[in-house]
């Protein structure tokens, strides 16, 4: 992945940073990206705009789409890692001791099902190959574990299938320097360092390259997108977004299945 641009040219010609969520925003319900959307994003790059993924997925979970679209930067793990080209410019982790305490608290709770833990060099899970949902694709590497032994590295993200909201809240109460975001329509919660958010990732990227936040356009649909949609220069909710995202958006575009992001970009950018 190469990153080439002139900041002076960007400012002079009023170019934008396009920060787009993946699931249920850029991706259709079947997890594909249309040829039309791919073409529009390529045209945006050719025209000098910056294309950035801002996703709760890990970078390896984005590979299919980053290979297809080749974004300038990827804000992954809900903002825990910001990568510009091949350079990590921002990272936020949960320390080893806290990570192990959280894992134990989760794995021993009867209201918790599957558990995944992302570190810098591994993706651990108590999900066997024949249990994971095929819609996740084949990007999940071999990292099955029962979490009976401690991990010895910091974590970027701990995601848990939790069947009641009270249990999910107990984790944050027990570890005040950790935050949690729920995925709408699912029983999955993502835990990370309390400083982690897509909005913080966007700010870190903008500061690194000297880009004005008012020139950032953010597209989203879910709880982890609320802050960036609200705070960026232009916040766009896709038509299928949850009410909380629509409430803070400046603009509502068409749905993800109807290429809402691409249609808006073609008409306005």
C-alpha atoms as a PDB file:
ATOM      1  CA  UNK A   1       0.000   0.000   0.000  1.00  0.00           C
ATOM      2  CA  UNK A   2       1.506   3.339  -1.021  1.00  0.00           C
ATOM      3  CA  UNK A   3       0.636   6.746   0.343  1.00  0.00           C
ATOM      4  CA  UNK A   4       1.520   9.693  -1.859  1.00  0.00           C
ATOM      5  CA  UNK A   5      -0.001  13.139  -1.648  1.00  0.00           C
ATOM      6  CA  UNK A   6       0.841  16.800  -1.384  1.00  0.00           C
ATOM      7  CA  UNK A   7      -0.673  18.492   1.672  1.00  0.00           C
ATOM      8  CA  UNK A   8      -0.240  21.912   0.051  1.00  0.00           C
ATOM      9  CA  UNK A   9      -2.149  20.661  -2.976  1.00  0.00           C
ATOM     10  CA  UNK A  10      -4.842  19.177  -0.770  1.00  0.00           C
ATOM     11  CA  UNK A  11      -5.366  22.505   1.004  1.00  0.00           C
ATOM     12  CA  UNK A  12      -5.147  24.595  -2.152  1.00  0.00           C
ATOM     13  CA  UNK A  13      -7.685  22.506  -4.037  1.00  0.00           C
ATOM     14  CA  UNK A  14     -10.014  21.882  -1.080  1.00  0.00           C
ATOM     15  CA  UNK A  15      -9.569  18.125  -1.067  1.00  0.00           C
ATOM     16  CA  UNK A  16     -11.274  15.962   1.544  1.00  0.00           C
ATOM     17  CA  UNK A  17     -10.462  13.067   3.806  1.00  0.00           C
ATOM     18  CA  UNK A  18     -13.166  10.440   3.298  1.00  0.00           C
ATOM     19  CA  UNK A  19     -13.393   8.256   6.421  1.00  0.00           C
ATOM     20  CA  UNK A  20     -15.760   5.368   5.850  1.00  0.00           C
ATOM     21  CA  UNK A  21     -16.930   2.528   8.066  1.00  0.00           C
ATOM     22  CA  UNK A  22     -17.072  -0.898   6.425  1.00  0.00           C
ATOM     23  CA  UNK A  23     -19.788  -3.223   7.736  1.00  0.00           C
ATOM     24  CA  UNK A  24     -23.318  -2.054   6.880  1.00  0.00           C
ATOM     25  CA  UNK A  25     -21.909   1.227   5.542  1.00  0.00           C
ATOM     26  CA  UNK A  26     -19.552   0.660   2.624  1.00  0.00           C
ATOM     27  CA  UNK A  27     -20.231  -3.086   2.472  1.00  0.00           C
ATOM     28  CA  UNK A  28     -23.541  -4.455   1.362  1.00  0.00           C
ATOM     29  CA  UNK A  29     -25.429  -6.913   3.551  1.00  0.00           C
ATOM     30  CA  UNK A  30     -23.692  -9.835   1.819  1.00  0.00           C
ATOM     31  CA  UNK A  31     -20.297  -8.278   2.718  1.00  0.00           C
ATOM     32  CA  UNK A  32     -19.470  -7.355  -0.880  1.00  0.00           C
ATOM     33  CA  UNK A  33     -18.549  -4.016  -2.461  1.00  0.00           C
ATOM     34  CA  UNK A  34     -20.158  -3.159  -5.779  1.00  0.00           C
ATOM     35  CA  UNK A  35     -18.100  -2.324  -8.858  1.00  0.00           C
ATOM     36  CA  UNK A  36     -19.784   1.072  -8.856  1.00  0.00           C
ATOM     37  CA  UNK A  37     -18.632   1.857  -5.295  1.00  0.00           C
ATOM     38  CA  UNK A  38     -15.109   0.677  -6.089  1.00  0.00           C
ATOM     39  CA  UNK A  39     -15.024   2.900  -9.163  1.00  0.00           C
ATOM     40  CA  UNK A  40     -16.249   5.980  -7.295  1.00  0.00           C
ATOM     41  CA  UNK A  41     -13.648   5.569  -4.532  1.00  0.00           C
ATOM     42  CA  UNK A  42     -10.935   5.149  -7.162  1.00  0.00           C
ATOM     43  CA  UNK A  43     -12.106   8.342  -8.843  1.00  0.00           C
ATOM     44  CA  UNK A  44     -11.953  10.129  -5.477  1.00  0.00           C
ATOM     45  CA  UNK A  45      -8.334   9.016  -5.061  1.00  0.00           C
ATOM     46  CA  UNK A  46      -7.419  10.034  -8.610  1.00  0.00           C
ATOM     47  CA  UNK A  47      -8.980  13.429  -7.926  1.00  0.00           C
ATOM     48  CA  UNK A  48      -6.678  13.852  -4.906  1.00  0.00           C
ATOM     49  CA  UNK A  49      -8.971  13.048  -1.992  1.00  0.00           C
ATOM     50  CA  UNK A  50      -7.819  10.778   0.843  1.00  0.00           C
ATOM     51  CA  UNK A  51      -9.718   7.525   1.307  1.00  0.00           C
ATOM     52  CA  UNK A  52      -9.591   6.063   4.810  1.00  0.00           C
ATOM     53  CA  UNK A  53     -11.191   2.965   6.313  1.00  0.00           C
ATOM     54  CA  UNK A  54     -12.515   3.542   9.849  1.00  0.00           C
ATOM     55  CA  UNK A  55     -13.625   0.161  11.116  1.00  0.00           C
ATOM     56  CA  UNK A  56     -14.039  -2.005  14.188  1.00  0.00           C
ATOM     57  CA  UNK A  57     -12.458  -4.840  12.225  1.00  0.00           C
ATOM     58  CA  UNK A  58      -8.812  -5.756  12.630  1.00  0.00           C
ATOM     59  CA  UNK A  59      -6.518  -4.998   9.712  1.00  0.00           C
ATOM     60  CA  UNK A  60      -6.400  -8.676   8.692  1.00  0.00           C
ATOM     61  CA  UNK A  61     -10.205  -8.727   8.626  1.00  0.00           C
ATOM     62  CA  UNK A  62     -10.077  -5.765   6.201  1.00  0.00           C
ATOM     63  CA  UNK A  63      -7.620  -7.377   3.783  1.00  0.00           C
ATOM     64  CA  UNK A  64     -10.155  -8.394   1.156  1.00  0.00           C
ATOM     65  CA  UNK A  65     -11.394  -4.797   0.962  1.00  0.00           C
ATOM     66  CA  UNK A  66      -8.062  -3.023   1.347  1.00  0.00           C
ATOM     67  CA  UNK A  67      -6.687  -5.147  -1.513  1.00  0.00           C
ATOM     68  CA  UNK A  68      -9.700  -4.112  -3.589  1.00  0.00           C
ATOM     69  CA  UNK A  69      -9.835  -0.402  -2.741  1.00  0.00           C
ATOM     70  CA  UNK A  70      -6.284   0.325  -1.538  1.00  0.00           C
ATOM     71  CA  UNK A  71      -7.162   3.081   0.967  1.00  0.00           C
ATOM     72  CA  UNK A  72      -4.520   5.621   1.955  1.00  0.00           C
ATOM     73  CA  UNK A  73      -4.941   4.749   5.639  1.00  0.00           C
ATOM     74  CA  UNK A  74      -6.735   2.226   7.844  1.00  0.00           C
ATOM     75  CA  UNK A  75      -8.147   3.059  11.275  1.00  0.00           C
ATOM     76  CA  UNK A  76      -8.763  -0.436  12.611  1.00  0.00           C
ATOM     77  CA  UNK A  77      -9.925  -2.119  15.807  1.00  0.00           C
ATOM     78  CA  UNK A  78     -12.300   0.777  16.439  1.00  0.00           C
ATOM     79  CA  UNK A  79      -9.365   3.207  16.495  1.00  0.00           C
ATOM     80  CA  UNK A  80      -6.828   1.230  18.522  1.00  0.00           C
ATOM     81  CA  UNK A  81      -4.465   1.234  15.540  1.00  0.00           C
ATOM     82  CA  UNK A  82      -4.028   3.898  12.863  1.00  0.00           C
ATOM     83  CA  UNK A  83      -1.895   2.881   9.921  1.00  0.00           C
ATOM     84  CA  UNK A  84      -0.824   5.276   7.160  1.00  0.00           C
ATOM     85  CA  UNK A  85       0.461   3.180   4.306  1.00  0.00           C
ATOM     86  CA  UNK A  86       2.691   0.676   6.082  1.00  0.00           C
ATOM     87  CA  UNK A  87       3.445   2.943   9.061  1.00  0.00           C
ATOM     88  CA  UNK A  88       1.650   2.685  12.395  1.00  0.00           C
ATOM     89  CA  UNK A  89       1.191   6.282  13.517  1.00  0.00           C
ATOM     90  CA  UNK A  90      -1.077   5.680  16.509  1.00  0.00           C
ATOM     91  CA  UNK A  91      -1.802   2.750  18.811  1.00  0.00           C
ATOM     92  CA  UNK A  92      -3.601   2.261  22.129  1.00  0.00           C
ATOM     93  CA  UNK A  93      -3.538  -1.018  24.045  1.00  0.00           C
ATOM     94  CA  UNK A  94      -4.827  -2.582  27.244  1.00  0.00           C
ATOM     95  CA  UNK A  95      -1.952  -3.697  29.496  1.00  0.00           C
ATOM     96  CA  UNK A  96      -1.162  -7.388  30.035  1.00  0.00           C
ATOM     97  CA  UNK A  97      -2.436  -7.636  33.610  1.00  0.00           C
ATOM     98  CA  UNK A  98      -5.761  -5.964  32.864  1.00  0.00           C
ATOM     99  CA  UNK A  99      -6.197  -8.013  29.690  1.00  0.00           C
ATOM    100  CA  UNK A 100      -5.779 -11.280  31.588  1.00  0.00           C
ATOM    101  CA  UNK A 101      -8.120 -10.164  34.361  1.00  0.00           C
ATOM    102  CA  UNK A 102     -10.787  -9.225  31.804  1.00  0.00           C
ATOM    103  CA  UNK A 103     -10.398 -12.514  29.940  1.00  0.00           C
ATOM    104  CA  UNK A 104     -10.793 -14.510  33.162  1.00  0.00           C
ATOM    105  CA  UNK A 105     -13.846 -12.501  34.196  1.00  0.00           C
ATOM    106  CA  UNK A 106     -15.440 -13.061  30.797  1.00  0.00           C
ATOM    107  CA  UNK A 107     -14.538 -16.680  30.187  1.00  0.00           C
ATOM    108  CA  UNK A 108     -15.799 -17.744  33.624  1.00  0.00           C
ATOM    109  CA  UNK A 109     -19.147 -15.993  33.272  1.00  0.00           C
ATOM    110  CA  UNK A 110     -22.057 -18.234  32.182  1.00  0.00           C
ATOM    111  CA  UNK A 111     -23.583 -15.314  30.271  1.00  0.00           C
ATOM    112  CA  UNK A 112     -20.583 -15.129  27.932  1.00  0.00           C
ATOM    113  CA  UNK A 113     -20.257 -17.293  24.813  1.00  0.00           C
ATOM    114  CA  UNK A 114     -17.554 -16.798  22.235  1.00  0.00           C
ATOM    115  CA  UNK A 115     -14.486 -14.666  22.980  1.00  0.00           C
ATOM    116  CA  UNK A 116     -11.848 -13.219  20.654  1.00  0.00           C
ATOM    117  CA  UNK A 117      -8.673 -11.368  21.637  1.00  0.00           C
ATOM    118  CA  UNK A 118      -6.568  -9.334  19.226  1.00  0.00           C
ATOM    119  CA  UNK A 119      -2.906  -8.619  20.000  1.00  0.00           C
ATOM    120  CA  UNK A 120      -0.156  -7.212  17.837  1.00  0.00           C
ATOM    121  CA  UNK A 121       0.869 -10.645  16.579  1.00  0.00           C
ATOM    122  CA  UNK A 122      -2.071 -12.941  17.178  1.00  0.00           C
ATOM    123  CA  UNK A 123      -5.837 -13.313  16.978  1.00  0.00           C
ATOM    124  CA  UNK A 124      -6.931 -15.681  19.752  1.00  0.00           C
ATOM    125  CA  UNK A 125     -10.407 -17.164  19.993  1.00  0.00           C
ATOM    126  CA  UNK A 126     -12.389 -19.877  21.725  1.00  0.00           C
ATOM    127  CA  UNK A 127     -14.197 -20.487  18.440  1.00  0.00           C
ATOM    128  CA  UNK A 128     -13.201 -23.603  16.537  1.00  0.00           C
ATOM    129  CA  UNK A 129     -13.006 -23.607  12.755  1.00  0.00           C
ATOM    130  CA  UNK A 130     -16.293 -25.534  12.448  1.00  0.00           C
ATOM    131  CA  UNK A 131     -18.166 -23.149  14.773  1.00  0.00           C
ATOM    132  CA  UNK A 132     -17.373 -19.721  13.345  1.00  0.00           C
ATOM    133  CA  UNK A 133     -19.892 -18.045  11.066  1.00  0.00           C
ATOM    134  CA  UNK A 134     -18.850 -18.435   7.389  1.00  0.00           C
ATOM    135  CA  UNK A 135     -19.802 -14.802   6.751  1.00  0.00           C
ATOM    136  CA  UNK A 136     -16.655 -13.865   8.675  1.00  0.00           C
ATOM    137  CA  UNK A 137     -14.727 -15.349   5.763  1.00  0.00           C
ATOM    138  CA  UNK A 138     -11.423 -17.209   5.826  1.00  0.00           C
ATOM    139  CA  UNK A 139      -9.351 -14.358   7.250  1.00  0.00           C
ATOM    140  CA  UNK A 140      -9.575 -15.660  10.844  1.00  0.00           C
ATOM    141  CA  UNK A 141      -6.159 -17.267  11.423  1.00  0.00           C
ATOM    142  CA  UNK A 142      -5.512 -20.413  13.429  1.00  0.00           C
ATOM    143  CA  UNK A 143      -5.594 -19.230  17.023  1.00  0.00           C
ATOM    144  CA  UNK A 144      -8.011 -21.484  18.873  1.00  0.00           C
ATOM    145  CA  UNK A 145      -7.557 -21.515  22.671  1.00  0.00           C
ATOM    146  CA  UNK A 146      -9.638 -22.125  25.772  1.00  0.00           C
ATOM    147  CA  UNK A 147      -7.911 -19.178  27.508  1.00  0.00           C
ATOM    148  CA  UNK A 148      -6.912 -21.424  30.404  1.00  0.00           C
ATOM    149  CA  UNK A 149      -3.436 -19.889  30.410  1.00  0.00           C
ATOM    150  CA  UNK A 150      -2.531 -16.211  30.611  1.00  0.00           C
ATOM    151  CA  UNK A 151      -1.509 -14.277  27.541  1.00  0.00           C
ATOM    152  CA  UNK A 152       1.754 -12.367  27.812  1.00  0.00           C
ATOM    153  CA  UNK A 153       1.090  -9.440  25.500  1.00  0.00           C
ATOM    154  CA  UNK A 154      -0.987  -6.277  25.520  1.00  0.00           C
ATOM    155  CA  UNK A 155      -4.287  -6.369  23.661  1.00  0.00           C
ATOM    156  CA  UNK A 156      -5.842  -4.069  21.122  1.00  0.00           C
ATOM    157  CA  UNK A 157      -9.352  -5.424  21.431  1.00  0.00           C
ATOM    158  CA  UNK A 158     -11.263  -8.062  23.364  1.00  0.00           C
ATOM    159  CA  UNK A 159     -14.603  -8.947  21.811  1.00  0.00           C
ATOM    160  CA  UNK A 160     -17.163 -11.059  23.629  1.00  0.00           C
ATOM    161  CA  UNK A 161     -20.542 -12.558  22.887  1.00  0.00           C
ATOM    162  CA  UNK A 162     -22.527 -11.512  25.974  1.00  0.00           C
ATOM    163  CA  UNK A 163     -26.140 -12.474  26.430  1.00  0.00           C
ATOM    164  CA  UNK A 164     -27.222  -9.791  28.915  1.00  0.00           C
ATOM    165  CA  UNK A 165     -26.438  -6.103  29.143  1.00  0.00           C
ATOM    166  CA  UNK A 166     -25.736  -6.195  32.891  1.00  0.00           C
ATOM    167  CA  UNK A 167     -22.815  -8.563  32.412  1.00  0.00           C
ATOM    168  CA  UNK A 168     -21.413  -6.336  29.676  1.00  0.00           C
ATOM    169  CA  UNK A 169     -21.555  -3.344  32.018  1.00  0.00           C
ATOM    170  CA  UNK A 170     -19.846  -5.208  34.846  1.00  0.00           C
ATOM    171  CA  UNK A 171     -16.644  -5.408  32.817  1.00  0.00           C
ATOM    172  CA  UNK A 172     -16.430  -1.643  32.344  1.00  0.00           C
ATOM    173  CA  UNK A 173     -17.280  -1.062  36.004  1.00  0.00           C
ATOM    174  CA  UNK A 174     -14.485  -3.410  37.064  1.00  0.00           C
ATOM    175  CA  UNK A 175     -11.942  -1.839  34.703  1.00  0.00           C
ATOM    176  CA  UNK A 176     -12.515   1.920  34.519  1.00  0.00           C
ATOM    177  CA  UNK A 177      -9.699   2.516  32.014  1.00  0.00           C
ATOM    178  CA  UNK A 178     -11.521   0.293  29.484  1.00  0.00           C
ATOM    179  CA  UNK A 179     -14.496   1.211  27.294  1.00  0.00           C
ATOM    180  CA  UNK A 180     -17.056  -0.929  25.496  1.00  0.00           C
ATOM    181  CA  UNK A 181     -19.154  -0.590  22.369  1.00  0.00           C
ATOM    182  CA  UNK A 182     -21.984  -2.899  21.388  1.00  0.00           C
ATOM    183  CA  UNK A 183     -22.658  -3.938  17.809  1.00  0.00           C
ATOM    184  CA  UNK A 184     -26.289  -3.159  17.043  1.00  0.00           C
ATOM    185  CA  UNK A 185     -28.538  -6.147  16.458  1.00  0.00           C
ATOM    186  CA  UNK A 186     -25.976  -8.507  17.982  1.00  0.00           C
ATOM    187  CA  UNK A 187     -24.887  -9.769  21.395  1.00  0.00           C
ATOM    188  CA  UNK A 188     -21.270  -8.808  20.735  1.00  0.00           C
ATOM    189  CA  UNK A 189     -19.349  -6.177  22.693  1.00  0.00           C
ATOM    190  CA  UNK A 190     -15.917  -4.768  21.906  1.00  0.00           C
ATOM    191  CA  UNK A 191     -13.623  -3.810  24.806  1.00  0.00           C
ATOM    192  CA  UNK A 192     -10.556  -1.607  24.348  1.00  0.00           C
ATOM    193  CA  UNK A 193      -8.550   1.092  26.102  1.00  0.00           C
ATOM    194  CA  UNK A 194     -10.838   3.947  27.149  1.00  0.00           C
ATOM    195  CA  UNK A 195      -9.062   6.333  24.738  1.00  0.00           C
ATOM    196  CA  UNK A 196      -9.971   4.154  21.758  1.00  0.00           C
ATOM    197  CA  UNK A 197     -12.576   5.328  19.254  1.00  0.00           C
ATOM    198  CA  UNK A 198     -12.753   5.896  15.534  1.00  0.00           C
ATOM    199  CA  UNK A 199     -13.005   9.618  16.236  1.00  0.00           C
ATOM    200  CA  UNK A 200      -9.729   9.577  18.185  1.00  0.00           C
ATOM    201  CA  UNK A 201      -8.163   7.650  15.316  1.00  0.00           C
ATOM    202  CA  UNK A 202      -9.323  10.253  12.812  1.00  0.00           C
ATOM    203  CA  UNK A 203      -7.948  13.058  14.992  1.00  0.00           C
ATOM    204  CA  UNK A 204      -4.602  11.270  15.289  1.00  0.00           C
ATOM    205  CA  UNK A 205      -4.383  10.786  11.519  1.00  0.00           C
ATOM    206  CA  UNK A 206      -5.432  14.366  10.765  1.00  0.00           C
ATOM    207  CA  UNK A 207      -2.900  15.748  13.246  1.00  0.00           C
ATOM    208  CA  UNK A 208      -0.123  13.580  11.835  1.00  0.00           C
ATOM    209  CA  UNK A 209      -0.578  14.844   8.284  1.00  0.00           C
ATOM    210  CA  UNK A 210      -1.697  18.358   9.232  1.00  0.00           C
ATOM    211  CA  UNK A 211      -5.246  17.945   7.926  1.00  0.00           C
ATOM    212  CA  UNK A 212      -8.124  20.106   9.142  1.00  0.00           C
ATOM    213  CA  UNK A 213     -10.957  18.158  10.786  1.00  0.00           C
ATOM    214  CA  UNK A 214     -13.503  20.355   9.033  1.00  0.00           C
ATOM    215  CA  UNK A 215     -12.332  18.798   5.763  1.00  0.00           C
ATOM    216  CA  UNK A 216     -13.088  15.240   6.940  1.00  0.00           C
ATOM    217  CA  UNK A 217     -16.241  13.488   5.749  1.00  0.00           C
ATOM    218  CA  UNK A 218     -17.271  10.525   7.924  1.00  0.00           C
ATOM    219  CA  UNK A 219     -19.732   7.806   6.868  1.00  0.00           C
ATOM    220  CA  UNK A 220     -21.217   5.381   9.399  1.00  0.00           C
ATOM    221  CA  UNK A 221     -24.152   3.337  10.629  1.00  0.00           C
ATOM    222  CA  UNK A 222     -23.530   1.935  14.139  1.00  0.00           C
ATOM    223  CA  UNK A 223     -22.709   2.852  17.741  1.00  0.00           C
ATOM    224  CA  UNK A 224     -18.951   3.057  17.141  1.00  0.00           C
ATOM    225  CA  UNK A 225     -19.597   5.619  14.385  1.00  0.00           C
ATOM    226  CA  UNK A 226     -21.640   8.108  16.409  1.00  0.00           C
ATOM    227  CA  UNK A 227     -18.765  10.283  17.594  1.00  0.00           C
ATOM    228  CA  UNK A 228     -16.971  10.562  14.255  1.00  0.00           C
ATOM    229  CA  UNK A 229     -20.218  11.296  12.390  1.00  0.00           C
ATOM    230  CA  UNK A 230     -21.074  13.981  14.938  1.00  0.00           C
ATOM    231  CA  UNK A 231     -17.641  15.612  15.186  1.00  0.00           C
ATOM    232  CA  UNK A 232     -16.163  15.520  11.675  1.00  0.00           C
ATOM    233  CA  UNK A 233     -16.654  18.356   9.195  1.00  0.00           C
ATOM    234  CA  UNK A 234     -19.444  16.488   7.446  1.00  0.00           C
ATOM    235  CA  UNK A 235     -21.114  13.509   9.087  1.00  0.00           C
ATOM    236  CA  UNK A 236     -23.111  11.203   6.829  1.00  0.00           C
ATOM    237  CA  UNK A 237     -25.375   8.397   8.025  1.00  0.00           C
ATOM    238  CA  UNK A 238     -26.339   5.690   5.578  1.00  0.00           C
ATOM    239  CA  UNK A 239     -30.075   5.175   5.306  1.00  0.00           C
ATOM    240  CA  UNK A 240     -29.914   1.891   7.215  1.00  0.00           C
ATOM    241  CA  UNK A 241     -28.053   3.450  10.182  1.00  0.00           C
ATOM    242  CA  UNK A 242     -29.330   3.104  13.724  1.00  0.00           C
ATOM    243  CA  UNK A 243     -31.408   6.069  14.996  1.00  0.00           C
ATOM    244  CA  UNK A 244     -28.561   7.253  17.229  1.00  0.00           C
ATOM    245  CA  UNK A 245     -26.294   7.802  14.207  1.00  0.00           C
ATOM    246  CA  UNK A 246     -29.023   9.411  12.110  1.00  0.00           C
ATOM    247  CA  UNK A 247     -29.751  11.808  14.974  1.00  0.00           C
ATOM    248  CA  UNK A 248     -26.227  13.277  14.939  1.00  0.00           C
ATOM    249  CA  UNK A 249     -25.599  13.201  11.176  1.00  0.00           C
ATOM    250  CA  UNK A 250     -25.518  16.290   8.994  1.00  0.00           C
ATOM    251  CA  UNK A 251     -26.727  14.286   6.021  1.00  0.00           C
ATOM    252  CA  UNK A 252     -28.505  11.002   5.402  1.00  0.00           C
ATOM    253  CA  UNK A 253     -27.591   9.177   2.192  1.00  0.00           C
ATOM    254  CA  UNK A 254     -29.011   6.038   0.619  1.00  0.00           C
ATOM    255  CA  UNK A 255     -28.570   2.621   2.255  1.00  0.00           C
ATOM    256  CA  UNK A 256     -25.510   0.409   2.086  1.00  0.00           C
ATOM    257  CA  UNK A 257     -27.278  -2.055  -0.212  1.00  0.00           C
ATOM    258  CA  UNK A 258     -28.069   0.833  -2.584  1.00  0.00           C
ATOM    259  CA  UNK A 259     -24.485   2.176  -2.744  1.00  0.00           C
ATOM    260  CA  UNK A 260     -25.354   5.137  -0.531  1.00  0.00           C
ATOM    261  CA  UNK A 261     -21.743   6.159   0.128  1.00  0.00           C
ATOM    262  CA  UNK A 262     -20.764   6.072  -3.539  1.00  0.00           C
ATOM    263  CA  UNK A 263     -23.910   7.892  -4.697  1.00  0.00           C
ATOM    264  CA  UNK A 264     -23.294  10.701  -2.214  1.00  0.00           C
ATOM    265  CA  UNK A 265     -19.625  10.992  -3.156  1.00  0.00           C
ATOM    266  CA  UNK A 266     -20.388  11.088  -6.866  1.00  0.00           C
ATOM    267  CA  UNK A 267     -23.014  13.782  -6.408  1.00  0.00           C
ATOM    268  CA  UNK A 268     -21.077  15.945  -3.947  1.00  0.00           C
ATOM    269  CA  UNK A 269     -17.359  15.208  -4.182  1.00  0.00           C
END
